[in-house]
Amino acid sequence: KCLYNVGKLFKAIPPGKENADKNGIPVDEFGLKNGIWYNCEVEDCWLAQKKGVSGQVCYKVYAIHMASQHGALEMVLMEDGDKARELVEKLMEFEEKKKRGESSSTKPNNSLKIVKTERSVEITVEENSEVVKKA
């Protein structure tokens, strides 16, 4: 499931009072209605280094950026049940080993495997066309 699409990121990465409804859901995800844009303020971040308009992003891009680049994903997953918490712990362990230069190939039983699965849906499109001849 996409954590953004199911609304899990809104609490961890609030859109701000001027861009949220009473439930904290962004009213303008893409900055097209109210013109609200976001800047990353994390030091040494590639997006924060972009100045002016080039560093501005809409809420959806900002939320996904914060989740994927700055730890908000882990925060959200920690609240999403035991399996998600276990996944976060494995991800954090993997990242720590990577920082220390340890190879996960030395311990094959502890290596992290992430597999994305999607169920495909069959769609049938029927087209009816009627030819009308003018006399």
Protein backbone atom coordinates (compact mmCIF):
# COMPACT_ATOMS: atom_id res chain seq x y z
CA LYS A 1 0.00 0.00 0.00
CA CYS A 2 1.15 3.53 -0.61
CA LEU A 3 1.44 5.27 2.74
CA TYR A 4 0.79 8.63 1.13
CA ASN A 5 -2.39 7.51 -0.63
CA VAL A 6 -3.86 5.98 2.53
CA GLY A 7 -3.15 9.18 4.49
CA LYS A 8 -0.48 7.81 6.85
CA LEU A 9 2.04 10.58 6.12
CA PHE A 10 -0.23 13.53 6.89
CA LYS A 11 0.16 13.26 10.67
CA ALA A 12 3.92 12.69 10.57
CA ILE A 13 4.46 15.41 7.95
CA PRO A 14 1.69 17.96 8.52
CA PRO A 15 0.80 20.18 5.57
CA GLY A 16 0.45 23.25 7.83
CA LYS A 17 -2.65 25.14 8.95
CA GLU A 18 -3.02 27.08 5.73
CA ASN A 19 -3.07 23.90 3.63
CA ALA A 20 -5.02 21.46 5.82
CA ASP A 21 -8.65 20.76 6.48
CA LYS A 22 -10.00 20.20 10.02
CA ASN A 23 -8.71 16.58 9.91
CA GLY A 24 -5.16 17.56 8.93
CA ILE A 25 -5.56 16.37 5.33
CA PRO A 26 -3.97 18.63 2.71
CA VAL A 27 -6.49 20.64 0.72
CA ASP A 28 -4.03 21.29 -2.11
CA GLU A 29 -1.56 18.46 -2.70
CA PHE A 30 -0.05 19.97 -5.83
CA GLY A 31 0.11 23.69 -5.01
CA LEU A 32 -2.27 24.54 -7.84
CA LYS A 33 -5.21 25.90 -5.83
CA ASN A 34 -3.68 27.91 -3.01
CA GLY A 35 -0.11 28.22 -4.28
CA ILE A 36 1.50 26.85 -1.13
CA TRP A 37 4.97 25.43 -1.73
CA TYR A 38 7.38 23.69 0.61
CA ASN A 39 11.14 23.76 1.07
CA CYS A 40 13.24 21.07 2.71
CA GLU A 41 15.17 22.55 5.61
CA VAL A 42 17.34 19.55 6.48
CA GLU A 43 20.99 20.56 6.52
CA ASP A 44 23.10 19.12 3.66
CA CYS A 45 20.03 17.76 1.85
CA TRP A 46 20.25 17.95 -1.93
CA LEU A 47 16.77 19.53 -2.08
CA ALA A 48 17.53 22.08 0.65
CA GLN A 49 20.59 23.17 -1.34
CA LYS A 50 18.37 24.27 -4.22
CA LYS A 51 17.57 27.92 -3.71
CA GLY A 52 14.58 29.97 -4.76
CA VAL A 53 11.82 28.50 -6.89
CA SER A 54 13.92 25.49 -7.91
CA GLY A 55 13.87 24.26 -4.29
CA GLN A 56 10.12 24.61 -3.89
CA VAL A 57 7.92 21.54 -4.14
CA CYS A 58 4.23 20.80 -3.65
CA TYR A 59 3.02 19.07 -0.49
CA LYS A 60 2.84 15.60 -2.03
CA VAL A 61 6.45 15.76 -3.27
CA TYR A 62 7.57 17.26 0.05
CA ALA A 63 5.85 14.54 2.10
CA ILE A 64 7.30 11.74 -0.02
CA HIS A 65 10.72 13.41 0.09
CA MET A 66 10.64 13.66 3.88
CA ALA A 67 9.48 10.03 4.14
CA SER A 68 12.06 8.63 1.76
CA GLN A 69 15.04 10.84 2.59
CA HIS A 70 14.76 11.98 6.20
CA GLY A 71 13.30 9.22 8.38
CA ALA A 72 9.60 10.03 8.35
CA LEU A 73 8.87 6.68 6.72
CA GLU A 74 10.39 4.87 9.68
CA MET A 75 8.35 6.98 12.11
CA VAL A 76 5.13 6.14 10.31
CA LEU A 77 5.93 2.43 10.03
CA MET A 78 6.78 2.19 13.75
CA GLU A 79 3.11 3.01 14.43
CA ASP A 80 1.78 0.57 11.83
CA GLY A 81 1.93 -2.70 13.77
CA ASP A 82 4.41 -5.42 14.66
CA LYS A 83 5.33 -6.52 11.14
CA ALA A 84 6.02 -2.95 10.07
CA ARG A 85 8.05 -2.32 13.23
CA GLU A 86 10.07 -5.47 12.52
CA LEU A 87 10.75 -4.26 8.98
CA VAL A 88 11.93 -0.88 10.28
CA GLU A 89 14.27 -2.57 12.74
CA LYS A 90 15.75 -4.67 9.93
CA LEU A 91 16.13 -1.60 7.72
CA MET A 92 17.86 0.32 10.51
CA GLU A 93 20.14 -2.63 11.25
CA PHE A 94 20.99 -2.92 7.56
CA GLU A 95 21.77 0.81 7.30
CA GLU A 96 24.00 0.65 10.40
CA LYS A 97 25.94 -2.28 8.95
CA LYS A 98 26.30 -0.42 5.69
CA LYS A 99 27.70 2.63 7.51
CA ARG A 100 30.20 0.45 9.36
CA GLY A 101 31.22 -1.22 6.10
CA GLU A 102 30.00 -4.65 7.11
CA SER A 103 28.78 -6.81 4.27
CA SER A 104 25.49 -8.61 4.69
CA SER A 105 26.86 -11.36 2.45
CA THR A 106 28.97 -12.66 5.35
CA LYS A 107 25.79 -13.52 7.23
CA PRO A 108 23.29 -14.79 4.65
CA ASN A 109 20.62 -15.59 7.23
CA ASN A 110 20.54 -11.98 8.42
CA SER A 111 20.40 -10.36 5.01
CA LEU A 112 17.45 -8.15 4.26
CA LYS A 113 15.21 -9.04 1.38
CA ILE A 114 12.42 -6.73 0.31
CA VAL A 115 10.07 -7.93 -2.36
CA LYS A 116 7.30 -5.79 -3.74
CA THR A 117 4.29 -7.70 -4.90
CA GLU A 118 1.31 -6.37 -6.72
CA ARG A 119 -1.84 -8.14 -7.70
CA SER A 120 -2.74 -7.55 -11.30
CA VAL A 121 -6.31 -6.91 -12.27
CA GLU A 122 -7.68 -8.06 -15.59
CA ILE A 123 -9.53 -5.38 -17.45
CA THR A 124 -11.68 -6.02 -20.46
CA VAL A 125 -12.54 -3.13 -22.69
CA GLU A 126 -15.39 -3.50 -25.09
CA GLU A 127 -16.05 -0.98 -27.73
CA ASN A 128 -19.32 -0.69 -29.54
CA SER A 129 -19.37 1.48 -32.57
CA GLU A 130 -22.37 2.12 -34.69
CA VAL A 131 -21.99 3.19 -38.27
CA VAL A 132 -24.72 5.46 -39.52
CA LYS A 133 -25.03 5.98 -43.24
CA LYS A 134 -26.55 9.18 -44.48
CA ALA A 135 -28.80 8.79 -47.46
